[in-house]
Amino acid sequence: MNYMKEERKRKIRSRKNFLPTLVATIIFWIINILIIYFFDPNNAAVIFAFFVSIFLSFLFTFSTVFANTRRGIIISTSLIIFLILRYFGIGNILNALLITGVAITTEIYFIKQG
């Protein structure tokens, strides 16, 4: 009987609560919309804030969609790197393909490790 109680407690602790993640995702997407709409894009602080908030938006969105934080981090980092390259004017299809290849290779590496 005691084993069943411990098993139930372990299941409850291992359950994922998606409500805080959903709230954080919505907040960061709203912050992105506000940054795009209200702030001057020539300010370096605004550009940095935009990239940080878009990274967190992508992270929470993809982590929720794939139910895997590691995949969310890999996809978010890949997209941010490409967006930064686009900001500097060197983001093209070749760079996108190379970043995608590195992201896929990284995911395969972590799958093989675990």
Protein backbone atom coordinates (compact mmCIF):
# COMPACT_ATOMS: atom_id res chain seq x y z
CA MET A 1 0.00 0.00 0.00
CA ASN A 2 2.85 2.36 0.85
CA TYR A 3 4.44 1.63 -2.53
CA MET A 4 1.27 2.78 -4.31
CA LYS A 5 1.30 6.08 -2.42
CA GLU A 6 4.93 6.69 -3.31
CA GLU A 7 4.27 5.81 -6.95
CA ARG A 8 1.33 8.24 -7.06
CA LYS A 9 3.42 11.04 -5.50
CA ARG A 10 6.17 10.43 -8.06
CA LYS A 11 3.67 10.64 -10.94
CA ILE A 12 2.24 13.88 -9.59
CA ARG A 13 5.72 15.43 -9.27
CA SER A 14 6.72 14.34 -12.77
CA ARG A 15 3.63 15.86 -14.37
CA LYS A 16 4.28 18.97 -16.41
CA ASN A 17 2.29 22.09 -15.69
CA PHE A 18 1.83 23.94 -18.97
CA LEU A 19 -0.12 26.93 -17.64
CA PRO A 20 2.95 28.94 -16.50
CA THR A 21 4.67 28.19 -19.81
CA LEU A 22 1.60 29.28 -21.75
CA VAL A 23 1.36 32.52 -19.76
CA ALA A 24 5.08 33.24 -20.29
CA THR A 25 4.73 32.53 -24.02
CA ILE A 26 1.82 34.93 -24.37
CA ILE A 27 3.61 37.62 -22.35
CA PHE A 28 6.76 37.41 -24.47
CA TRP A 29 4.82 37.49 -27.74
CA ILE A 30 2.98 40.59 -26.50
CA ILE A 31 6.34 42.16 -25.57
CA ASN A 32 7.57 41.43 -29.11
CA ILE A 33 4.53 43.09 -30.62
CA LEU A 34 4.99 46.13 -28.37
CA ILE A 35 8.69 46.41 -29.24
CA ILE A 36 7.96 46.20 -32.97
CA TYR A 37 5.10 48.66 -32.83
CA PHE A 38 6.24 51.31 -30.35
CA PHE A 39 10.05 51.52 -30.33
CA ASP A 40 12.56 53.00 -32.74
CA PRO A 41 14.61 50.22 -34.36
CA ASN A 42 17.77 52.35 -34.55
CA ASN A 43 18.41 52.08 -30.81
CA ALA A 44 20.91 49.34 -29.87
CA ALA A 45 19.15 48.59 -26.58
CA VAL A 46 15.86 48.01 -28.37
CA ILE A 47 17.52 45.66 -30.84
CA PHE A 48 19.08 43.67 -28.00
CA ALA A 49 15.74 43.59 -26.12
CA PHE A 50 14.00 42.44 -29.29
CA PHE A 51 16.41 39.55 -29.85
CA VAL A 52 16.20 38.47 -26.21
CA SER A 53 12.41 38.59 -26.15
CA ILE A 54 12.05 36.83 -29.50
CA PHE A 55 14.45 34.12 -28.30
CA LEU A 56 12.37 33.58 -25.16
CA SER A 57 9.17 33.59 -27.22
CA PHE A 58 10.54 30.96 -29.58
CA LEU A 59 11.97 28.96 -26.67
CA PHE A 60 8.70 28.74 -24.76
CA THR A 61 6.64 28.18 -27.92
CA PHE A 62 8.78 25.38 -29.34
CA SER A 63 9.37 23.79 -25.94
CA THR A 64 5.61 23.58 -25.50
CA VAL A 65 4.93 22.36 -29.04
CA PHE A 66 7.56 19.62 -28.93
CA ALA A 67 7.19 18.96 -25.17
CA ASN A 68 10.99 18.96 -25.03
CA THR A 69 13.07 21.85 -23.70
CA ARG A 70 16.24 20.73 -25.49
CA ARG A 71 14.56 20.84 -28.90
CA GLY A 72 13.08 24.22 -28.03
CA ILE A 73 16.54 25.57 -27.18
CA ILE A 74 18.10 24.17 -30.35
CA ILE A 75 15.40 25.54 -32.66
CA SER A 76 15.27 28.90 -30.87
CA THR A 77 19.03 29.32 -30.99
CA SER A 78 19.09 28.42 -34.68
CA LEU A 79 16.37 30.93 -35.52
CA ILE A 80 18.02 33.69 -33.49
CA ILE A 81 21.38 33.10 -35.15
CA PHE A 82 19.71 33.36 -38.55
CA LEU A 83 17.81 36.52 -37.52
CA ILE A 84 21.05 38.10 -36.31
CA LEU A 85 22.71 37.23 -39.61
CA ARG A 86 19.74 38.78 -41.44
CA TYR A 87 20.06 41.89 -39.28
CA PHE A 88 23.69 42.27 -40.36
CA GLY A 89 22.73 41.61 -43.98
CA ILE A 90 24.46 38.27 -44.42
CA GLY A 91 21.54 35.93 -43.82
CA ASN A 92 20.80 33.97 -46.97
CA ILE A 93 19.55 30.54 -47.95
CA LEU A 94 23.02 28.98 -47.71
CA ASN A 95 23.45 30.21 -44.14
CA ALA A 96 19.94 28.99 -43.30
CA LEU A 97 20.77 25.53 -44.64
CA LEU A 98 24.07 25.42 -42.73
CA ILE A 99 22.39 26.48 -39.48
CA THR A 100 19.67 23.87 -40.06
CA GLY A 101 22.33 21.22 -40.60
CA VAL A 102 24.12 22.15 -37.38
CA ALA A 103 20.81 22.10 -35.49
CA ILE A 104 19.88 18.66 -36.82
CA THR A 105 23.37 17.34 -36.10
CA THR A 106 23.20 18.69 -32.55
CA GLU A 107 19.82 17.04 -31.97
CA ILE A 108 21.08 13.71 -33.32
CA TYR A 109 24.15 13.96 -31.08
CA PHE A 110 22.03 14.50 -27.98
CA ILE A 111 19.67 11.66 -28.96
CA LYS A 112 22.64 9.28 -29.31
CA GLN A 113 24.08 10.41 -25.95
CA GLY A 114 20.90 9.79 -23.98
